[in-house]
Amino acid sequence: MKLNEIRDGSTGNAIFWVKSKVSSRARNGSTYLSLSVADTTLELKAKIWNADELTTQLCSGDFIQASFQAQIYNDSLQLVLSDVLPASPSEYSPTDFFKKAKYDTDVMYNKLLEYATSIKDDDVRRLVLSFYEDELFSKEMRTMPAAKSIHHSFIGGLLQHTLFVTRNAATLSKLYSVDYDLCVAAAMLHDIGKLKELTNVPAVEFTLEGVALGHLSMSCFALDRRMHDLGIDGEKSIKLLHCVLAHHGQKDWGSPVVPACPEAVVVHVSDLLDARIEAMLEEIESSTSDSSTTEFNRFLGTSLIK
């Protein structure tokens, strides 16, 4: 049974992939678990009550078999799970549970390589290709989600997001006659820290480095080390690091600095545009509401018109 087939009042037994898990304490002292369960069609919230024994046994990324009852809570469909057991690998296919990018990963990666080779500055082009021609980097980029949740949280999500941000930045740089090489390079490299910030499927979690340093800092660390190794310094290296460090746009959005050159603004708005549009599309696609609007989305700060 797919999650998008479950309706209010439905009951049954099914296999679920636990995307995330949070343990909490009820007023009576017992432990309950708040889960996000997901497949390729939908993501739903789920509760397991009186879950003292499961607190340490059940982890994010696990596949479980459980009885379920569906109900509406706070205007959203939610599952209450019971009789929870580990699912046997012979009873499910992981491809039924992990969403993938809508576009072919090889096609997307080759398009990014085209953008890299279009960079005219020898040093900047050499820097970008030193990452994108690396076999391990290529493999990780093709599979890594761009986030644990919110937007592009699917296989190949980081690659898709990077391509769309690069496409936006390339277009805007020409429209406003600013430095194309800097915009494209920063767009292609702005999120490489996420390769170390997050673990990959099936359990997408923040690493110790991710929690302690964040992907903006880690992206800049990786770039700074690589530019040092390649003998790239001076103003071009400072501007590239600035565009990456400022790509969230505002300090209260996680940027240590705000954009201080036109190219940094281009990279920021290119990133923001793709993240917001994708978050909206995912919210509309996953909505179980019968109304003309979705449920309230905390990240976007609004319900969406379908």
C-alpha atoms as a PDB file:
ATOM      1  CA  MET A   1       0.000   0.000   0.000  1.00  0.00           C
ATOM      2  CA  LYS A   2       1.299   3.437  -0.957  1.00  0.00           C
ATOM      3  CA  LEU A   3       1.001   6.252   1.559  1.00  0.00           C
ATOM      4  CA  ASN A   4      -1.057   8.378  -0.833  1.00  0.00           C
ATOM      5  CA  GLU A   5      -3.716   5.636  -0.823  1.00  0.00           C
ATOM      6  CA  ILE A   6      -4.335   5.931   2.923  1.00  0.00           C
ATOM      7  CA  ARG A   7      -7.399   7.913   3.955  1.00  0.00           C
ATOM      8  CA  ASP A   8      -8.835   9.146   7.254  1.00  0.00           C
ATOM      9  CA  GLY A   9     -10.104   6.137   9.200  1.00  0.00           C
ATOM     10  CA  SER A  10      -8.060   3.591   7.237  1.00  0.00           C
ATOM     11  CA  THR A  11      -6.565   0.666   9.162  1.00  0.00           C
ATOM     12  CA  GLY A  12      -4.258  -2.152   8.157  1.00  0.00           C
ATOM     13  CA  ASN A  13      -0.741  -3.524   8.285  1.00  0.00           C
ATOM     14  CA  ALA A  14       2.091  -2.273   6.121  1.00  0.00           C
ATOM     15  CA  ILE A  15       5.829  -1.725   5.805  1.00  0.00           C
ATOM     16  CA  PHE A  16       7.074   1.791   6.512  1.00  0.00           C
ATOM     17  CA  TRP A  17      10.396   3.561   6.004  1.00  0.00           C
ATOM     18  CA  VAL A  18      11.226   5.762   9.002  1.00  0.00           C
ATOM     19  CA  LYS A  19      12.611   8.985   7.579  1.00  0.00           C
ATOM     20  CA  SER A  20      13.049  10.607  10.993  1.00  0.00           C
ATOM     21  CA  LYS A  21      12.353   9.862  14.651  1.00  0.00           C
ATOM     22  CA  VAL A  22      11.972  12.028  17.763  1.00  0.00           C
ATOM     23  CA  SER A  23      11.485  10.602  21.260  1.00  0.00           C
ATOM     24  CA  SER A  24       9.317  12.478  23.768  1.00  0.00           C
ATOM     25  CA  ARG A  25       7.938  11.939  27.246  1.00  0.00           C
ATOM     26  CA  ALA A  26       4.162  11.814  27.837  1.00  0.00           C
ATOM     27  CA  ARG A  27       2.519  13.261  30.945  1.00  0.00           C
ATOM     28  CA  ASN A  28       2.139   9.774  32.416  1.00  0.00           C
ATOM     29  CA  GLY A  29       5.892   9.252  32.157  1.00  0.00           C
ATOM     30  CA  SER A  30       5.843   6.859  29.215  1.00  0.00           C
ATOM     31  CA  THR A  31       7.855   7.453  26.054  1.00  0.00           C
ATOM     32  CA  TYR A  32       6.237   8.065  22.690  1.00  0.00           C
ATOM     33  CA  LEU A  33       7.842   8.407  19.271  1.00  0.00           C
ATOM     34  CA  SER A  34       7.035  11.011  16.640  1.00  0.00           C
ATOM     35  CA  LEU A  35       8.008   9.715  13.212  1.00  0.00           C
ATOM     36  CA  SER A  36       8.036  10.853   9.636  1.00  0.00           C
ATOM     37  CA  VAL A  37       7.349   7.894   7.364  1.00  0.00           C
ATOM     38  CA  ALA A  38       7.743   8.261   3.622  1.00  0.00           C
ATOM     39  CA  ASP A  39       7.659   6.507   0.303  1.00  0.00           C
ATOM     40  CA  THR A  40       7.868   7.736  -3.285  1.00  0.00           C
ATOM     41  CA  THR A  41       4.322   9.118  -3.128  1.00  0.00           C
ATOM     42  CA  LEU A  42       4.050  10.945   0.187  1.00  0.00           C
ATOM     43  CA  GLU A  43       5.463  11.738   3.614  1.00  0.00           C
ATOM     44  CA  LEU A  44       3.257  11.421   6.693  1.00  0.00           C
ATOM     45  CA  LYS A  45       3.605  12.028  10.410  1.00  0.00           C
ATOM     46  CA  ALA A  46       3.169   8.996  12.648  1.00  0.00           C
ATOM     47  CA  LYS A  47       2.987   8.344  16.394  1.00  0.00           C
ATOM     48  CA  ILE A  48       3.926   5.288  18.425  1.00  0.00           C
ATOM     49  CA  TRP A  49       2.556   5.463  21.967  1.00  0.00           C
ATOM     50  CA  ASN A  50       4.012   3.608  24.972  1.00  0.00           C
ATOM     51  CA  ALA A  51       7.255   3.104  23.094  1.00  0.00           C
ATOM     52  CA  ASP A  52       9.771   2.717  25.940  1.00  0.00           C
ATOM     53  CA  GLU A  53      11.390  -0.399  24.444  1.00  0.00           C
ATOM     54  CA  LEU A  54      11.452   1.012  20.907  1.00  0.00           C
ATOM     55  CA  THR A  55      13.233   4.232  21.882  1.00  0.00           C
ATOM     56  CA  THR A  56      16.672   2.717  21.409  1.00  0.00           C
ATOM     57  CA  GLN A  57      15.720  -0.103  19.052  1.00  0.00           C
ATOM     58  CA  LEU A  58      14.109   1.980  16.310  1.00  0.00           C
ATOM     59  CA  CYS A  59      16.290   4.420  14.362  1.00  0.00           C
ATOM     60  CA  SER A  60      15.910   6.870  11.501  1.00  0.00           C
ATOM     61  CA  GLY A  61      16.399   4.975   8.248  1.00  0.00           C
ATOM     62  CA  ASP A  62      14.853   1.740   9.543  1.00  0.00           C
ATOM     63  CA  PHE A  63      12.206  -0.243   7.707  1.00  0.00           C
ATOM     64  CA  ILE A  64       9.431  -1.434  10.017  1.00  0.00           C
ATOM     65  CA  GLN A  65       6.293  -3.507   9.735  1.00  0.00           C
ATOM     66  CA  ALA A  66       3.384  -2.204  11.782  1.00  0.00           C
ATOM     67  CA  SER A  67      -0.355  -2.010  12.173  1.00  0.00           C
ATOM     68  CA  PHE A  68      -1.697   1.453  11.493  1.00  0.00           C
ATOM     69  CA  GLN A  69      -4.738   3.601  12.036  1.00  0.00           C
ATOM     70  CA  ALA A  70      -5.105   6.832  10.068  1.00  0.00           C
ATOM     71  CA  GLN A  71      -6.718   9.932  11.557  1.00  0.00           C
ATOM     72  CA  ILE A  72      -6.922  13.664  10.986  1.00  0.00           C
ATOM     73  CA  TYR A  73      -4.966  15.692  13.535  1.00  0.00           C
ATOM     74  CA  ASN A  74      -4.549  19.473  13.240  1.00  0.00           C
ATOM     75  CA  ASP A  75      -6.068  19.311   9.741  1.00  0.00           C
ATOM     76  CA  SER A  76      -3.425  16.826   8.544  1.00  0.00           C
ATOM     77  CA  LEU A  77      -3.497  13.077   8.064  1.00  0.00           C
ATOM     78  CA  GLN A  78      -1.507  11.231  10.726  1.00  0.00           C
ATOM     79  CA  LEU A  79      -0.843   7.560  11.455  1.00  0.00           C
ATOM     80  CA  VAL A  80      -0.890   5.824  14.826  1.00  0.00           C
ATOM     81  CA  LEU A  81       1.338   2.752  14.670  1.00  0.00           C
ATOM     82  CA  SER A  82       1.304  -0.364  16.875  1.00  0.00           C
ATOM     83  CA  ASP A  83       2.717  -3.913  16.878  1.00  0.00           C
ATOM     84  CA  VAL A  84       5.948  -2.546  15.439  1.00  0.00           C
ATOM     85  CA  LEU A  85       8.585  -5.043  14.243  1.00  0.00           C
ATOM     86  CA  PRO A  86      11.665  -4.809  11.999  1.00  0.00           C
ATOM     87  CA  ALA A  87      10.712  -5.466   8.382  1.00  0.00           C
ATOM     88  CA  SER A  88      12.377  -8.349   6.581  1.00  0.00           C
ATOM     89  CA  PRO A  89      14.477  -7.168   3.584  1.00  0.00           C
ATOM     90  CA  SER A  90      12.817  -9.856   1.458  1.00  0.00           C
ATOM     91  CA  GLU A  91       9.428  -8.168   1.934  1.00  0.00           C
ATOM     92  CA  TYR A  92      10.169  -4.752   0.430  1.00  0.00           C
ATOM     93  CA  SER A  93      12.165  -2.969  -2.261  1.00  0.00           C
ATOM     94  CA  PRO A  94      14.032   0.199  -1.184  1.00  0.00           C
ATOM     95  CA  THR A  95      13.204   1.793  -4.560  1.00  0.00           C
ATOM     96  CA  ASP A  96       9.547   1.933  -3.456  1.00  0.00           C
ATOM     97  CA  PHE A  97      10.446   4.298  -0.622  1.00  0.00           C
ATOM     98  CA  PHE A  98      13.129   6.708  -1.792  1.00  0.00           C
ATOM     99  CA  LYS A  99      12.100   9.593  -3.999  1.00  0.00           C
ATOM    100  CA  LYS A 100      14.491  10.382  -6.821  1.00  0.00           C
ATOM    101  CA  ALA A 101      15.192  13.456  -8.887  1.00  0.00           C
ATOM    102  CA  LYS A 102      12.786  13.817 -11.803  1.00  0.00           C
ATOM    103  CA  TYR A 103      15.686  14.227 -14.212  1.00  0.00           C
ATOM    104  CA  ASP A 104      18.388  11.797 -15.282  1.00  0.00           C
ATOM    105  CA  THR A 105      21.461  12.227 -13.080  1.00  0.00           C
ATOM    106  CA  ASP A 106      23.927  11.643 -15.931  1.00  0.00           C
ATOM    107  CA  VAL A 107      22.242  14.309 -18.048  1.00  0.00           C
ATOM    108  CA  MET A 108      22.279  16.776 -15.156  1.00  0.00           C
ATOM    109  CA  TYR A 109      25.909  16.106 -14.313  1.00  0.00           C
ATOM    110  CA  ASN A 110      27.007  16.467 -17.931  1.00  0.00           C
ATOM    111  CA  LYS A 111      25.157  19.780 -18.141  1.00  0.00           C
ATOM    112  CA  LEU A 112      27.091  21.025 -15.127  1.00  0.00           C
ATOM    113  CA  LEU A 113      30.331  19.944 -16.793  1.00  0.00           C
ATOM    114  CA  GLU A 114      29.287  22.056 -19.795  1.00  0.00           C
ATOM    115  CA  TYR A 115      28.843  25.051 -17.511  1.00  0.00           C
ATOM    116  CA  ALA A 116      32.284  24.378 -15.994  1.00  0.00           C
ATOM    117  CA  THR A 117      34.008  24.264 -19.384  1.00  0.00           C
ATOM    118  CA  SER A 118      32.252  27.498 -20.398  1.00  0.00           C
ATOM    119  CA  ILE A 119      34.214  29.389 -17.712  1.00  0.00           C
ATOM    120  CA  LYS A 120      36.846  31.479 -19.493  1.00  0.00           C
ATOM    121  CA  ASP A 121      39.175  32.216 -16.569  1.00  0.00           C
ATOM    122  CA  ASP A 122      41.753  29.401 -16.524  1.00  0.00           C
ATOM    123  CA  ASP A 123      42.180  29.361 -12.745  1.00  0.00           C
ATOM    124  CA  VAL A 124      38.448  29.380 -11.985  1.00  0.00           C
ATOM    125  CA  ARG A 125      37.706  26.719 -14.600  1.00  0.00           C
ATOM    126  CA  ARG A 126      40.554  24.554 -13.291  1.00  0.00           C
ATOM    127  CA  LEU A 127      39.226  24.910  -9.743  1.00  0.00           C
ATOM    128  CA  VAL A 128      35.667  23.874 -10.620  1.00  0.00           C
ATOM    129  CA  LEU A 129      36.806  20.933 -12.746  1.00  0.00           C
ATOM    130  CA  SER A 130      39.130  19.739  -9.977  1.00  0.00           C
ATOM    131  CA  PHE A 131      35.945  18.914  -8.060  1.00  0.00           C
ATOM    132  CA  TYR A 132      33.620  17.851 -10.853  1.00  0.00           C
ATOM    133  CA  GLU A 133      36.140  15.581 -12.580  1.00  0.00           C
ATOM    134  CA  ASP A 134      36.855  13.746  -9.314  1.00  0.00           C
ATOM    135  CA  GLU A 135      35.316  10.251  -9.329  1.00  0.00           C
ATOM    136  CA  LEU A 136      34.211  10.187  -5.678  1.00  0.00           C
ATOM    137  CA  PHE A 137      32.769  13.717  -5.863  1.00  0.00           C
ATOM    138  CA  SER A 138      30.848  12.744  -8.997  1.00  0.00           C
ATOM    139  CA  LYS A 139      29.420   9.632  -7.349  1.00  0.00           C
ATOM    140  CA  GLU A 140      28.338  11.468  -4.197  1.00  0.00           C
ATOM    141  CA  MET A 141      26.790  14.391  -6.084  1.00  0.00           C
ATOM    142  CA  ARG A 142      24.613  12.032  -8.134  1.00  0.00           C
ATOM    143  CA  THR A 143      22.973  10.489  -5.065  1.00  0.00           C
ATOM    144  CA  MET A 144      23.065  13.012  -2.192  1.00  0.00           C
ATOM    145  CA  PRO A 145      19.873  14.820  -1.145  1.00  0.00           C
ATOM    146  CA  ALA A 146      20.180  18.597  -0.802  1.00  0.00           C
ATOM    147  CA  ALA A 147      18.536  18.607   2.632  1.00  0.00           C
ATOM    148  CA  LYS A 148      17.116  16.423   5.371  1.00  0.00           C
ATOM    149  CA  SER A 149      13.715  17.957   4.678  1.00  0.00           C
ATOM    150  CA  ILE A 150      12.158  21.193   3.322  1.00  0.00           C
ATOM    151  CA  HIS A 151      13.412  21.015  -0.298  1.00  0.00           C
ATOM    152  CA  HIS A 152      15.248  18.593  -2.616  1.00  0.00           C
ATOM    153  CA  SER A 153      15.274  15.923   0.107  1.00  0.00           C
ATOM    154  CA  PHE A 154      15.510  13.078  -2.401  1.00  0.00           C
ATOM    155  CA  ILE A 155      18.151  11.026  -4.194  1.00  0.00           C
ATOM    156  CA  GLY A 156      19.965  13.341  -6.590  1.00  0.00           C
ATOM    157  CA  GLY A 157      18.452  16.386  -4.915  1.00  0.00           C
ATOM    158  CA  LEU A 158      21.778  18.133  -4.391  1.00  0.00           C
ATOM    159  CA  LEU A 159      22.709  17.626  -8.041  1.00  0.00           C
ATOM    160  CA  GLN A 160      19.352  18.926  -9.292  1.00  0.00           C
ATOM    161  CA  HIS A 161      19.479  21.934  -6.962  1.00  0.00           C
ATOM    162  CA  THR A 162      23.053  22.760  -7.994  1.00  0.00           C
ATOM    163  CA  LEU A 163      22.175  22.563 -11.686  1.00  0.00           C
ATOM    164  CA  PHE A 164      19.130  24.812 -11.334  1.00  0.00           C
ATOM    165  CA  VAL A 165      21.030  27.353  -9.219  1.00  0.00           C
ATOM    166  CA  THR A 166      23.839  27.361 -11.797  1.00  0.00           C
ATOM    167  CA  ARG A 167      21.390  27.793 -14.664  1.00  0.00           C
ATOM    168  CA  ASN A 168      19.726  30.692 -12.850  1.00  0.00           C
ATOM    169  CA  ALA A 169      23.066  32.314 -12.029  1.00  0.00           C
ATOM    170  CA  ALA A 170      24.376  31.975 -15.581  1.00  0.00           C
ATOM    171  CA  THR A 171      21.227  33.598 -16.969  1.00  0.00           C
ATOM    172  CA  LEU A 172      21.157  36.442 -14.442  1.00  0.00           C
ATOM    173  CA  SER A 173      24.865  37.188 -14.839  1.00  0.00           C
ATOM    174  CA  LYS A 174      24.325  37.839 -18.535  1.00  0.00           C
ATOM    175  CA  LEU A 175      21.140  39.818 -17.956  1.00  0.00           C
ATOM    176  CA  TYR A 176      22.896  42.177 -15.530  1.00  0.00           C
ATOM    177  CA  SER A 177      26.341  42.105 -17.216  1.00  0.00           C
ATOM    178  CA  VAL A 178      28.208  40.925 -14.133  1.00  0.00           C
ATOM    179  CA  ASP A 179      31.046  38.398 -13.877  1.00  0.00           C
ATOM    180  CA  TYR A 180      29.744  35.195 -15.523  1.00  0.00           C
ATOM    181  CA  ASP A 181      32.724  33.081 -14.427  1.00  0.00           C
ATOM    182  CA  LEU A 182      32.361  34.054 -10.791  1.00  0.00           C
ATOM    183  CA  CYS A 183      28.587  33.511 -10.744  1.00  0.00           C
ATOM    184  CA  VAL A 184      28.764  30.091 -12.412  1.00  0.00           C
ATOM    185  CA  ALA A 185      31.692  28.867 -10.314  1.00  0.00           C
ATOM    186  CA  ALA A 186      30.122  29.991  -7.027  1.00  0.00           C
ATOM    187  CA  ALA A 187      26.778  28.450  -7.998  1.00  0.00           C
ATOM    188  CA  MET A 188      28.408  25.130  -8.862  1.00  0.00           C
ATOM    189  CA  LEU A 189      30.374  25.067  -5.600  1.00  0.00           C
ATOM    190  CA  HIS A 190      28.032  26.802  -3.161  1.00  0.00           C
ATOM    191  CA  ASP A 191      26.696  23.632  -1.513  1.00  0.00           C
ATOM    192  CA  ILE A 192      29.610  21.191  -1.745  1.00  0.00           C
ATOM    193  CA  GLY A 193      29.837  21.280   2.061  1.00  0.00           C
ATOM    194  CA  LYS A 194      26.558  19.345   2.146  1.00  0.00           C
ATOM    195  CA  LEU A 195      28.481  16.252   1.050  1.00  0.00           C
ATOM    196  CA  LYS A 196      29.981  16.299   4.565  1.00  0.00           C
ATOM    197  CA  GLU A 197      27.096  17.975   6.399  1.00  0.00           C
ATOM    198  CA  LEU A 198      24.605  15.171   5.764  1.00  0.00           C
ATOM    199  CA  THR A 199      24.598  11.406   5.648  1.00  0.00           C
ATOM    200  CA  ASN A 200      23.116   9.760   2.568  1.00  0.00           C
ATOM    201  CA  VAL A 201      19.988   7.627   2.219  1.00  0.00           C
ATOM    202  CA  PRO A 202      18.399   5.674   3.776  1.00  0.00           C
ATOM    203  CA  ALA A 203      19.019   7.697   6.953  1.00  0.00           C
ATOM    204  CA  VAL A 204      19.602  11.351   6.076  1.00  0.00           C
ATOM    205  CA  GLU A 205      20.901  12.966   9.245  1.00  0.00           C
ATOM    206  CA  PHE A 206      23.260  15.786  10.171  1.00  0.00           C
ATOM    207  CA  THR A 207      26.822  14.663  10.796  1.00  0.00           C
ATOM    208  CA  LEU A 208      28.884  15.915  13.722  1.00  0.00           C
ATOM    209  CA  GLU A 209      30.683  18.261  11.298  1.00  0.00           C
ATOM    210  CA  GLY A 210      27.347  19.409   9.927  1.00  0.00           C
ATOM    211  CA  VAL A 211      26.010  20.355  13.343  1.00  0.00           C
ATOM    212  CA  ALA A 212      29.266  21.924  14.516  1.00  0.00           C
ATOM    213  CA  LEU A 213      30.275  23.817  11.365  1.00  0.00           C
ATOM    214  CA  GLY A 214      27.402  23.971   8.847  1.00  0.00           C
ATOM    215  CA  HIS A 215      27.684  23.540   5.098  1.00  0.00           C
ATOM    216  CA  LEU A 216      28.524  27.181   4.286  1.00  0.00           C
ATOM    217  CA  SER A 217      31.668  27.021   6.405  1.00  0.00           C
ATOM    218  CA  MET A 218      32.577  23.553   5.166  1.00  0.00           C
ATOM    219  CA  SER A 219      32.114  24.609   1.541  1.00  0.00           C
ATOM    220  CA  CYS A 220      34.513  27.512   2.102  1.00  0.00           C
ATOM    221  CA  PHE A 221      37.029  25.298   3.935  1.00  0.00           C
ATOM    222  CA  ALA A 222      37.061  22.869   0.991  1.00  0.00           C
ATOM    223  CA  LEU A 223      37.410  25.692  -1.542  1.00  0.00           C
ATOM    224  CA  ASP A 224      40.144  27.461   0.396  1.00  0.00           C
ATOM    225  CA  ARG A 225      42.182  24.256   0.694  1.00  0.00           C
ATOM    226  CA  ARG A 226      41.751  23.451  -2.992  1.00  0.00           C
ATOM    227  CA  MET A 227      42.673  26.959  -4.128  1.00  0.00           C
ATOM    228  CA  HIS A 228      45.775  26.816  -1.950  1.00  0.00           C
ATOM    229  CA  ASP A 229      46.743  23.476  -3.513  1.00  0.00           C
ATOM    230  CA  LEU A 230      46.187  24.886  -7.016  1.00  0.00           C
ATOM    231  CA  GLY A 231      48.039  28.127  -6.301  1.00  0.00           C
ATOM    232  CA  ILE A 232      44.961  30.308  -6.788  1.00  0.00           C
ATOM    233  CA  ASP A 233      44.891  33.426  -4.629  1.00  0.00           C
ATOM    234  CA  GLY A 234      44.204  37.133  -4.755  1.00  0.00           C
ATOM    235  CA  GLU A 235      40.942  38.946  -5.400  1.00  0.00           C
ATOM    236  CA  LYS A 236      39.312  36.179  -7.439  1.00  0.00           C
ATOM    237  CA  SER A 237      39.684  33.693  -4.568  1.00  0.00           C
ATOM    238  CA  ILE A 238      38.303  36.177  -2.026  1.00  0.00           C
ATOM    239  CA  LYS A 239      35.284  36.985  -4.215  1.00  0.00           C
ATOM    240  CA  LEU A 240      34.533  33.309  -4.790  1.00  0.00           C
ATOM    241  CA  LEU A 241      34.709  32.532  -1.084  1.00  0.00           C
ATOM    242  CA  HIS A 242      32.501  35.544  -0.367  1.00  0.00           C
ATOM    243  CA  CYS A 243      29.813  34.452  -2.853  1.00  0.00           C
ATOM    244  CA  VAL A 244      29.689  30.999  -1.257  1.00  0.00           C
ATOM    245  CA  LEU A 245      29.738  32.317   2.311  1.00  0.00           C
ATOM    246  CA  ALA A 246      26.978  34.876   1.591  1.00  0.00           C
ATOM    247  CA  HIS A 247      24.651  32.677  -0.462  1.00  0.00           C
ATOM    248  CA  HIS A 248      21.937  32.477   2.225  1.00  0.00           C
ATOM    249  CA  GLY A 249      21.650  36.244   1.861  1.00  0.00           C
ATOM    250  CA  GLN A 250      20.938  37.331   5.425  1.00  0.00           C
ATOM    251  CA  LYS A 251      22.642  36.753   8.744  1.00  0.00           C
ATOM    252  CA  ASP A 252      19.433  35.518  10.340  1.00  0.00           C
ATOM    253  CA  TRP A 253      19.175  32.971   7.504  1.00  0.00           C
ATOM    254  CA  GLY A 254      22.595  31.546   8.322  1.00  0.00           C
ATOM    255  CA  SER A 255      24.976  33.668   6.267  1.00  0.00           C
ATOM    256  CA  PRO A 256      27.950  34.969   8.308  1.00  0.00           C
ATOM    257  CA  VAL A 257      28.127  37.873   5.855  1.00  0.00           C
ATOM    258  CA  VAL A 258      25.566  39.461   3.546  1.00  0.00           C
ATOM    259  CA  PRO A 259      26.157  39.792  -0.229  1.00  0.00           C
ATOM    260  CA  ALA A 260      28.649  42.601  -0.842  1.00  0.00           C
ATOM    261  CA  CYS A 261      29.036  42.383  -4.624  1.00  0.00           C
ATOM    262  CA  PRO A 262      26.561  41.911  -7.509  1.00  0.00           C
ATOM    263  CA  GLU A 263      27.742  38.342  -8.139  1.00  0.00           C
ATOM    264  CA  ALA A 264      26.989  37.369  -4.541  1.00  0.00           C
ATOM    265  CA  VAL A 265      23.468  38.743  -4.965  1.00  0.00           C
ATOM    266  CA  VAL A 266      23.061  36.705  -8.160  1.00  0.00           C
ATOM    267  CA  VAL A 267      24.120  33.496  -6.402  1.00  0.00           C
ATOM    268  CA  HIS A 268      21.882  34.220  -3.411  1.00  0.00           C
ATOM    269  CA  VAL A 269      18.713  34.919  -5.401  1.00  0.00           C
ATOM    270  CA  SER A 270      19.438  31.966  -7.696  1.00  0.00           C
ATOM    271  CA  ASP A 271      19.668  29.683  -4.667  1.00  0.00           C
ATOM    272  CA  LEU A 272      16.613  31.188  -2.981  1.00  0.00           C
ATOM    273  CA  LEU A 273      14.502  30.936  -6.130  1.00  0.00           C
ATOM    274  CA  ASP A 274      15.191  27.248  -6.653  1.00  0.00           C
ATOM    275  CA  ALA A 275      14.774  26.337  -2.982  1.00  0.00           C
ATOM    276  CA  ARG A 276      11.451  28.180  -2.634  1.00  0.00           C
ATOM    277  CA  ILE A 277       9.948  26.933  -5.894  1.00  0.00           C
ATOM    278  CA  GLU A 278      10.944  23.326  -5.195  1.00  0.00           C
ATOM    279  CA  ALA A 279       9.605  23.526  -1.622  1.00  0.00           C
ATOM    280  CA  MET A 280       6.292  24.811  -2.975  1.00  0.00           C
ATOM    281  CA  LEU A 281       6.049  22.129  -5.655  1.00  0.00           C
ATOM    282  CA  GLU A 282       6.812  19.389  -3.132  1.00  0.00           C
ATOM    283  CA  GLU A 283       4.246  20.768  -0.661  1.00  0.00           C
ATOM    284  CA  ILE A 284       1.518  20.932  -3.304  1.00  0.00           C
ATOM    285  CA  GLU A 285       2.350  17.458  -4.599  1.00  0.00           C
ATOM    286  CA  SER A 286       2.277  15.898  -1.126  1.00  0.00           C
ATOM    287  CA  SER A 287      -0.839  17.676   0.143  1.00  0.00           C
ATOM    288  CA  THR A 288      -3.657  15.382   1.273  1.00  0.00           C
ATOM    289  CA  SER A 289      -6.137  18.219   1.761  1.00  0.00           C
ATOM    290  CA  ASP A 290      -9.294  18.213  -0.364  1.00  0.00           C
ATOM    291  CA  SER A 291      -9.461  22.002  -0.274  1.00  0.00           C
ATOM    292  CA  SER A 292      -8.039  24.430  -2.821  1.00  0.00           C
ATOM    293  CA  THR A 293      -5.111  25.191  -0.499  1.00  0.00           C
ATOM    294  CA  THR A 294      -2.507  23.078   1.257  1.00  0.00           C
ATOM    295  CA  GLU A 295      -1.925  22.782   4.963  1.00  0.00           C
ATOM    296  CA  PHE A 296       0.151  25.559   6.584  1.00  0.00           C
ATOM    297  CA  ASN A 297       3.837  25.186   5.758  1.00  0.00           C
ATOM    298  CA  ARG A 298       6.170  26.506   8.473  1.00  0.00           C
ATOM    299  CA  PHE A 299       9.164  26.921   6.174  1.00  0.00           C
ATOM    300  CA  LEU A 300       7.203  28.933   3.623  1.00  0.00           C
ATOM    301  CA  GLY A 301       5.123  30.718   6.266  1.00  0.00           C
ATOM    302  CA  THR A 302       1.834  30.155   4.468  1.00  0.00           C
ATOM    303  CA  SER A 303      -0.628  27.698   3.013  1.00  0.00           C
ATOM    304  CA  LEU A 304      -0.261  27.309  -0.740  1.00  0.00           C
ATOM    305  CA  ILE A 305      -2.800  27.680  -3.506  1.00  0.00           C
ATOM    306  CA  LYS A 306      -2.994  24.431  -5.456  1.00  0.00           C
END
